[in-house]
Amino acid sequence: MKIALIGASGNAGQRLHTELVSRGHDVTAIARNPEKIQPLERTVALAGDIAEPRSLATTLAGHDAVISSVMFRAFDHGKMLDAVIRSEVPRYLVVGGAGGLEVAPGVRFLDSADFPEVARPESEAGIAYLERLTKTDGLDWTFLAPSALFGPGERTGDFRLGKDQLLVGPDGSHMSYEDLAVAMVDELEKPKHSRARFTVGY
């Protein structure tokens, strides 16, 4: 498939780029500073700015799917959706956040005593974006939420999938960038969560 990856130079974006290329997908890797994008095969690196939705829509057009891996506070939500919808790309996949997942019935991770306050603004922005997606008609989107701790690690391919509850294992709730990329590309290749959130963890 031909995939547009917004945020290809970021932490999760780099791993998504690598995973996509390793599985034979052609990638248009998009970042504000394309010189920071990994020079991988099957890749065209382009500059893109969410603040200019018409221009970004032109860049996205003609792809089989768009994946965005951008901090939610770093862009205007309406302009991102405008660009994706204008592009008429059939699928939109989003690297989300864990704050909106439940830790008990009706209790979000964001509202629990264990939630790190430093992450609250970004988490609230991610929750708002998901709510906006649910109210956007005619868009086939998927929102993949990581576990509570999300950072560099190994690509194991050994993890669990969930829906709206935070996944907690013997070592707590955590997920590597590398394995989230595996889960996202799995979803890309074999869709199971159309217009839905799902989560991944060990």
C-alpha atoms as a PDB file:
ATOM      1  CA  MET A   1       0.000   0.000   0.000  1.00  0.00           C
ATOM      2  CA  LYS A   2       0.923   3.634  -0.376  1.00  0.00           C
ATOM      3  CA  ILE A   3       0.871   5.292   3.049  1.00  0.00           C
ATOM      4  CA  ALA A   4       1.171   8.944   4.084  1.00  0.00           C
ATOM      5  CA  LEU A   5       2.806   9.190   7.514  1.00  0.00           C
ATOM      6  CA  ILE A   6       2.420  12.555   9.262  1.00  0.00           C
ATOM      7  CA  GLY A   7       4.976  13.055  12.027  1.00  0.00           C
ATOM      8  CA  ALA A   8       7.494  10.653  10.533  1.00  0.00           C
ATOM      9  CA  SER A   9      10.443  12.206  12.380  1.00  0.00           C
ATOM     10  CA  GLY A  10       8.954  11.772  15.880  1.00  0.00           C
ATOM     11  CA  ASN A  11       9.549   8.980  18.371  1.00  0.00           C
ATOM     12  CA  ALA A  12       6.591   6.794  17.393  1.00  0.00           C
ATOM     13  CA  GLY A  13       6.681   8.071  13.823  1.00  0.00           C
ATOM     14  CA  GLN A  14      10.205   6.789  13.245  1.00  0.00           C
ATOM     15  CA  ARG A  15       9.208   3.300  14.377  1.00  0.00           C
ATOM     16  CA  LEU A  16       6.078   3.378  12.235  1.00  0.00           C
ATOM     17  CA  HIS A  17       8.173   4.396   9.245  1.00  0.00           C
ATOM     18  CA  THR A  18      10.574   1.501   9.801  1.00  0.00           C
ATOM     19  CA  GLU A  19       7.734  -1.010  10.301  1.00  0.00           C
ATOM     20  CA  LEU A  20       5.885   0.124   7.186  1.00  0.00           C
ATOM     21  CA  VAL A  21       8.959  -0.118   4.982  1.00  0.00           C
ATOM     22  CA  SER A  22       9.930  -3.512   6.432  1.00  0.00           C
ATOM     23  CA  ARG A  23       6.538  -4.861   5.336  1.00  0.00           C
ATOM     24  CA  GLY A  24       6.859  -3.573   1.800  1.00  0.00           C
ATOM     25  CA  HIS A  25       4.682  -0.462   1.969  1.00  0.00           C
ATOM     26  CA  ASP A  26       5.548   2.704   0.068  1.00  0.00           C
ATOM     27  CA  VAL A  27       5.745   5.657   2.454  1.00  0.00           C
ATOM     28  CA  THR A  28       5.355   9.367   1.972  1.00  0.00           C
ATOM     29  CA  ALA A  29       7.041  10.516   5.172  1.00  0.00           C
ATOM     30  CA  ILE A  30       5.852  13.977   6.202  1.00  0.00           C
ATOM     31  CA  ALA A  31       7.358  16.344   8.762  1.00  0.00           C
ATOM     32  CA  ARG A  32       7.887  20.058   9.175  1.00  0.00           C
ATOM     33  CA  ASN A  33      11.615  19.383   8.839  1.00  0.00           C
ATOM     34  CA  PRO A  34      11.943  16.523   6.322  1.00  0.00           C
ATOM     35  CA  GLU A  35      15.725  16.449   6.717  1.00  0.00           C
ATOM     36  CA  LYS A  36      15.095  14.757  10.082  1.00  0.00           C
ATOM     37  CA  ILE A  37      13.294  11.815   8.455  1.00  0.00           C
ATOM     38  CA  GLN A  38      15.160   8.511   8.247  1.00  0.00           C
ATOM     39  CA  PRO A  39      16.475   7.946   4.691  1.00  0.00           C
ATOM     40  CA  LEU A  40      14.865   4.543   4.171  1.00  0.00           C
ATOM     41  CA  GLU A  41      14.025   2.772   0.940  1.00  0.00           C
ATOM     42  CA  ARG A  42      10.485   2.938  -0.478  1.00  0.00           C
ATOM     43  CA  THR A  43      10.229   6.438   1.047  1.00  0.00           C
ATOM     44  CA  VAL A  44       9.615   9.937  -0.238  1.00  0.00           C
ATOM     45  CA  ALA A  45      10.306  12.545   2.456  1.00  0.00           C
ATOM     46  CA  LEU A  46       8.266  15.734   2.184  1.00  0.00           C
ATOM     47  CA  ALA A  47       7.700  18.893   4.179  1.00  0.00           C
ATOM     48  CA  GLY A  48       4.163  19.299   5.449  1.00  0.00           C
ATOM     49  CA  ASP A  49       2.403  21.724   7.763  1.00  0.00           C
ATOM     50  CA  ILE A  50      -0.953  20.956   9.391  1.00  0.00           C
ATOM     51  CA  ALA A  51      -1.514  24.703   9.632  1.00  0.00           C
ATOM     52  CA  GLU A  52      -1.947  24.693   5.827  1.00  0.00           C
ATOM     53  CA  PRO A  53      -4.699  22.098   5.280  1.00  0.00           C
ATOM     54  CA  ARG A  54      -5.229  22.738   1.575  1.00  0.00           C
ATOM     55  CA  SER A  55      -1.562  22.147   0.794  1.00  0.00           C
ATOM     56  CA  LEU A  56      -1.407  19.141   3.119  1.00  0.00           C
ATOM     57  CA  ALA A  57      -4.533  17.657   1.511  1.00  0.00           C
ATOM     58  CA  THR A  58      -2.813  17.797  -1.868  1.00  0.00           C
ATOM     59  CA  THR A  59       0.162  15.919  -0.397  1.00  0.00           C
ATOM     60  CA  LEU A  60      -2.103  13.276   1.147  1.00  0.00           C
ATOM     61  CA  ALA A  61      -4.268  12.716  -1.933  1.00  0.00           C
ATOM     62  CA  GLY A  62      -3.757   9.447  -3.790  1.00  0.00           C
ATOM     63  CA  HIS A  63      -2.631   7.392  -0.782  1.00  0.00           C
ATOM     64  CA  ASP A  64      -4.356   4.271   0.510  1.00  0.00           C
ATOM     65  CA  ALA A  65      -4.235   5.524   4.098  1.00  0.00           C
ATOM     66  CA  VAL A  66      -2.974   8.329   6.313  1.00  0.00           C
ATOM     67  CA  ILE A  67      -1.319   7.653   9.663  1.00  0.00           C
ATOM     68  CA  SER A  68      -0.773  10.593  12.007  1.00  0.00           C
ATOM     69  CA  SER A  69       1.700  10.457  14.865  1.00  0.00           C
ATOM     70  CA  VAL A  70       1.736  14.012  16.167  1.00  0.00           C
ATOM     71  CA  MET A  71       1.299  15.433  19.668  1.00  0.00           C
ATOM     72  CA  PHE A  72      -2.297  16.622  19.964  1.00  0.00           C
ATOM     73  CA  ARG A  73      -1.358  20.004  21.422  1.00  0.00           C
ATOM     74  CA  ALA A  74       0.936  20.625  18.449  1.00  0.00           C
ATOM     75  CA  PHE A  75      -1.779  21.060  15.826  1.00  0.00           C
ATOM     76  CA  ASP A  76      -5.179  22.554  15.154  1.00  0.00           C
ATOM     77  CA  HIS A  77      -7.619  19.637  15.263  1.00  0.00           C
ATOM     78  CA  GLY A  78     -10.001  21.156  12.760  1.00  0.00           C
ATOM     79  CA  LYS A  79      -7.251  21.825  10.239  1.00  0.00           C
ATOM     80  CA  MET A  80      -5.919  18.272  10.487  1.00  0.00           C
ATOM     81  CA  LEU A  81      -9.360  16.803   9.841  1.00  0.00           C
ATOM     82  CA  ASP A  82      -9.951  19.300   7.057  1.00  0.00           C
ATOM     83  CA  ALA A  83      -6.761  18.133   5.324  1.00  0.00           C
ATOM     84  CA  VAL A  84      -7.590  14.436   5.721  1.00  0.00           C
ATOM     85  CA  ILE A  85     -11.173  14.847   4.519  1.00  0.00           C
ATOM     86  CA  ARG A  86     -10.184  17.054   1.590  1.00  0.00           C
ATOM     87  CA  SER A  87      -7.595  14.482   0.499  1.00  0.00           C
ATOM     88  CA  GLU A  88     -10.311  11.820   0.074  1.00  0.00           C
ATOM     89  CA  VAL A  89      -7.922   9.169   1.368  1.00  0.00           C
ATOM     90  CA  PRO A  90     -10.075   6.187   2.402  1.00  0.00           C
ATOM     91  CA  ARG A  91      -8.561   5.489   5.835  1.00  0.00           C
ATOM     92  CA  TYR A  92      -7.125   7.553   8.693  1.00  0.00           C
ATOM     93  CA  LEU A  93      -5.214   5.978  11.592  1.00  0.00           C
ATOM     94  CA  VAL A  94      -4.134   7.965  14.659  1.00  0.00           C
ATOM     95  CA  VAL A  95      -1.509   7.288  17.325  1.00  0.00           C
ATOM     96  CA  GLY A  96      -3.486   8.250  20.406  1.00  0.00           C
ATOM     97  CA  GLY A  97      -2.975   8.507  24.148  1.00  0.00           C
ATOM     98  CA  ALA A  98      -3.880   6.439  27.195  1.00  0.00           C
ATOM     99  CA  GLY A  99      -5.555   9.127  29.314  1.00  0.00           C
ATOM    100  CA  GLY A 100      -9.077   8.404  28.142  1.00  0.00           C
ATOM    101  CA  LEU A 101      -8.891   4.660  28.820  1.00  0.00           C
ATOM    102  CA  GLU A 102     -10.798   3.310  31.821  1.00  0.00           C
ATOM    103  CA  VAL A 103      -9.054   1.994  34.936  1.00  0.00           C
ATOM    104  CA  ALA A 104     -12.412   1.143  36.558  1.00  0.00           C
ATOM    105  CA  PRO A 105     -15.999   1.380  35.318  1.00  0.00           C
ATOM    106  CA  GLY A 106     -16.591   5.023  34.470  1.00  0.00           C
ATOM    107  CA  VAL A 107     -13.146   6.123  35.735  1.00  0.00           C
ATOM    108  CA  ARG A 108     -10.600   7.305  33.185  1.00  0.00           C
ATOM    109  CA  PHE A 109      -6.861   6.916  33.679  1.00  0.00           C
ATOM    110  CA  LEU A 110      -6.708  10.717  33.377  1.00  0.00           C
ATOM    111  CA  ASP A 111      -8.853  11.026  36.518  1.00  0.00           C
ATOM    112  CA  SER A 112      -6.992   8.456  38.612  1.00  0.00           C
ATOM    113  CA  ALA A 113      -4.450   9.178  41.345  1.00  0.00           C
ATOM    114  CA  ASP A 114      -1.735   7.447  39.293  1.00  0.00           C
ATOM    115  CA  PHE A 115      -1.976   9.791  36.319  1.00  0.00           C
ATOM    116  CA  PRO A 116       1.107  12.052  35.926  1.00  0.00           C
ATOM    117  CA  GLU A 117       0.008  15.680  36.080  1.00  0.00           C
ATOM    118  CA  VAL A 118       2.698  16.748  33.627  1.00  0.00           C
ATOM    119  CA  ALA A 119       0.913  14.730  30.936  1.00  0.00           C
ATOM    120  CA  ARG A 120      -2.565  16.159  31.611  1.00  0.00           C
ATOM    121  CA  PRO A 121      -2.666  18.914  28.936  1.00  0.00           C
ATOM    122  CA  GLU A 122      -1.593  16.556  26.158  1.00  0.00           C
ATOM    123  CA  SER A 123      -3.954  13.849  27.367  1.00  0.00           C
ATOM    124  CA  GLU A 124      -6.913  16.222  27.482  1.00  0.00           C
ATOM    125  CA  ALA A 125      -6.110  17.343  23.945  1.00  0.00           C
ATOM    126  CA  GLY A 126      -6.017  13.709  22.780  1.00  0.00           C
ATOM    127  CA  ILE A 127      -9.380  12.975  24.390  1.00  0.00           C
ATOM    128  CA  ALA A 128     -10.862  16.039  22.685  1.00  0.00           C
ATOM    129  CA  TYR A 129      -9.524  14.886  19.327  1.00  0.00           C
ATOM    130  CA  LEU A 130     -11.036  11.421  19.756  1.00  0.00           C
ATOM    131  CA  GLU A 131     -14.389  12.996  20.620  1.00  0.00           C
ATOM    132  CA  ARG A 132     -14.143  15.086  17.480  1.00  0.00           C
ATOM    133  CA  LEU A 133     -13.423  11.987  15.395  1.00  0.00           C
ATOM    134  CA  THR A 134     -16.518  10.244  16.739  1.00  0.00           C
ATOM    135  CA  LYS A 135     -18.620  13.186  15.554  1.00  0.00           C
ATOM    136  CA  THR A 136     -17.053  13.329  12.076  1.00  0.00           C
ATOM    137  CA  ASP A 137     -19.288  11.683   9.505  1.00  0.00           C
ATOM    138  CA  GLY A 138     -17.976   9.900   6.434  1.00  0.00           C
ATOM    139  CA  LEU A 139     -14.432   9.291   7.720  1.00  0.00           C
ATOM    140  CA  ASP A 140     -13.067   5.776   8.307  1.00  0.00           C
ATOM    141  CA  TRP A 141     -10.783   6.431  11.289  1.00  0.00           C
ATOM    142  CA  THR A 142      -9.001   4.305  13.907  1.00  0.00           C
ATOM    143  CA  PHE A 143      -7.496   5.608  17.166  1.00  0.00           C
ATOM    144  CA  LEU A 144      -4.779   3.429  18.723  1.00  0.00           C
ATOM    145  CA  ALA A 145      -4.115   4.199  22.402  1.00  0.00           C
ATOM    146  CA  PRO A 146      -0.854   2.966  23.958  1.00  0.00           C
ATOM    147  CA  SER A 147      -0.431   1.850  27.562  1.00  0.00           C
ATOM    148  CA  ALA A 148       0.293   4.214  30.463  1.00  0.00           C
ATOM    149  CA  LEU A 149       4.064   4.087  29.959  1.00  0.00           C
ATOM    150  CA  PHE A 150       5.005   4.508  26.311  1.00  0.00           C
ATOM    151  CA  GLY A 151       8.612   4.719  25.211  1.00  0.00           C
ATOM    152  CA  PRO A 152      11.567   3.169  23.388  1.00  0.00           C
ATOM    153  CA  GLY A 153      12.057  -0.560  23.703  1.00  0.00           C
ATOM    154  CA  GLU A 154      12.078  -3.730  21.664  1.00  0.00           C
ATOM    155  CA  ARG A 155      10.023  -5.003  18.771  1.00  0.00           C
ATOM    156  CA  THR A 156       8.704  -8.289  20.165  1.00  0.00           C
ATOM    157  CA  GLY A 157       5.383  -8.690  18.375  1.00  0.00           C
ATOM    158  CA  ASP A 158       4.109 -10.183  21.634  1.00  0.00           C
ATOM    159  CA  PHE A 159       1.399  -7.993  23.166  1.00  0.00           C
ATOM    160  CA  ARG A 160      -2.310  -7.827  23.961  1.00  0.00           C
ATOM    161  CA  LEU A 161      -5.067  -5.806  22.348  1.00  0.00           C
ATOM    162  CA  GLY A 162      -7.929  -4.204  24.236  1.00  0.00           C
ATOM    163  CA  LYS A 163     -10.774  -1.789  23.646  1.00  0.00           C
ATOM    164  CA  ASP A 164     -11.519   0.952  26.179  1.00  0.00           C
ATOM    165  CA  GLN A 165      -9.814  -0.328  29.346  1.00  0.00           C
ATOM    166  CA  LEU A 166      -6.185   0.365  30.228  1.00  0.00           C
ATOM    167  CA  LEU A 167      -4.196  -2.852  29.892  1.00  0.00           C
ATOM    168  CA  VAL A 168      -2.095  -3.733  32.934  1.00  0.00           C
ATOM    169  CA  GLY A 169       0.313  -6.662  33.025  1.00  0.00           C
ATOM    170  CA  PRO A 170       2.582  -8.200  35.667  1.00  0.00           C
ATOM    171  CA  ASP A 171       5.049  -5.328  35.182  1.00  0.00           C
ATOM    172  CA  GLY A 172       2.430  -2.589  35.073  1.00  0.00           C
ATOM    173  CA  SER A 173       0.988  -0.813  32.063  1.00  0.00           C
ATOM    174  CA  HIS A 174       3.581  -0.208  29.388  1.00  0.00           C
ATOM    175  CA  MET A 175       4.224  -0.430  25.650  1.00  0.00           C
ATOM    176  CA  SER A 176       7.189   0.179  23.377  1.00  0.00           C
ATOM    177  CA  TYR A 177       7.120   2.485  20.379  1.00  0.00           C
ATOM    178  CA  GLU A 178       8.317  -0.484  18.345  1.00  0.00           C
ATOM    179  CA  ASP A 179       5.448  -2.803  19.259  1.00  0.00           C
ATOM    180  CA  LEU A 180       2.848  -0.072  18.901  1.00  0.00           C
ATOM    181  CA  ALA A 181       4.109   0.291  15.335  1.00  0.00           C
ATOM    182  CA  VAL A 182       3.561  -3.445  14.827  1.00  0.00           C
ATOM    183  CA  ALA A 183      -0.008  -3.173  16.147  1.00  0.00           C
ATOM    184  CA  MET A 184      -0.749  -0.142  13.981  1.00  0.00           C
ATOM    185  CA  VAL A 185       0.510  -1.744  10.774  1.00  0.00           C
ATOM    186  CA  ASP A 186      -1.374  -4.941  11.651  1.00  0.00           C
ATOM    187  CA  GLU A 187      -4.528  -2.806  11.835  1.00  0.00           C
ATOM    188  CA  LEU A 188      -3.633  -1.109   8.570  1.00  0.00           C
ATOM    189  CA  GLU A 189      -3.257  -4.422   6.773  1.00  0.00           C
ATOM    190  CA  LYS A 190      -6.199  -6.221   8.399  1.00  0.00           C
ATOM    191  CA  PRO A 191      -8.696  -3.638   9.687  1.00  0.00           C
ATOM    192  CA  LYS A 192     -10.680  -4.629  12.774  1.00  0.00           C
ATOM    193  CA  HIS A 193     -11.373  -1.276  14.435  1.00  0.00           C
ATOM    194  CA  SER A 194     -13.153   0.959  11.938  1.00  0.00           C
ATOM    195  CA  ARG A 195     -14.401   4.192  13.537  1.00  0.00           C
ATOM    196  CA  ALA A 196     -13.219   2.949  16.926  1.00  0.00           C
ATOM    197  CA  ARG A 197     -10.506   3.211  19.549  1.00  0.00           C
ATOM    198  CA  PHE A 198      -8.446   0.247  20.606  1.00  0.00           C
ATOM    199  CA  THR A 199      -5.442  -0.153  22.849  1.00  0.00           C
ATOM    200  CA  VAL A 200      -2.320  -2.253  23.075  1.00  0.00           C
ATOM    201  CA  GLY A 201      -0.130  -3.367  25.982  1.00  0.00           C
ATOM    202  CA  TYR A 202       1.949  -6.153  27.440  1.00  0.00           C
END
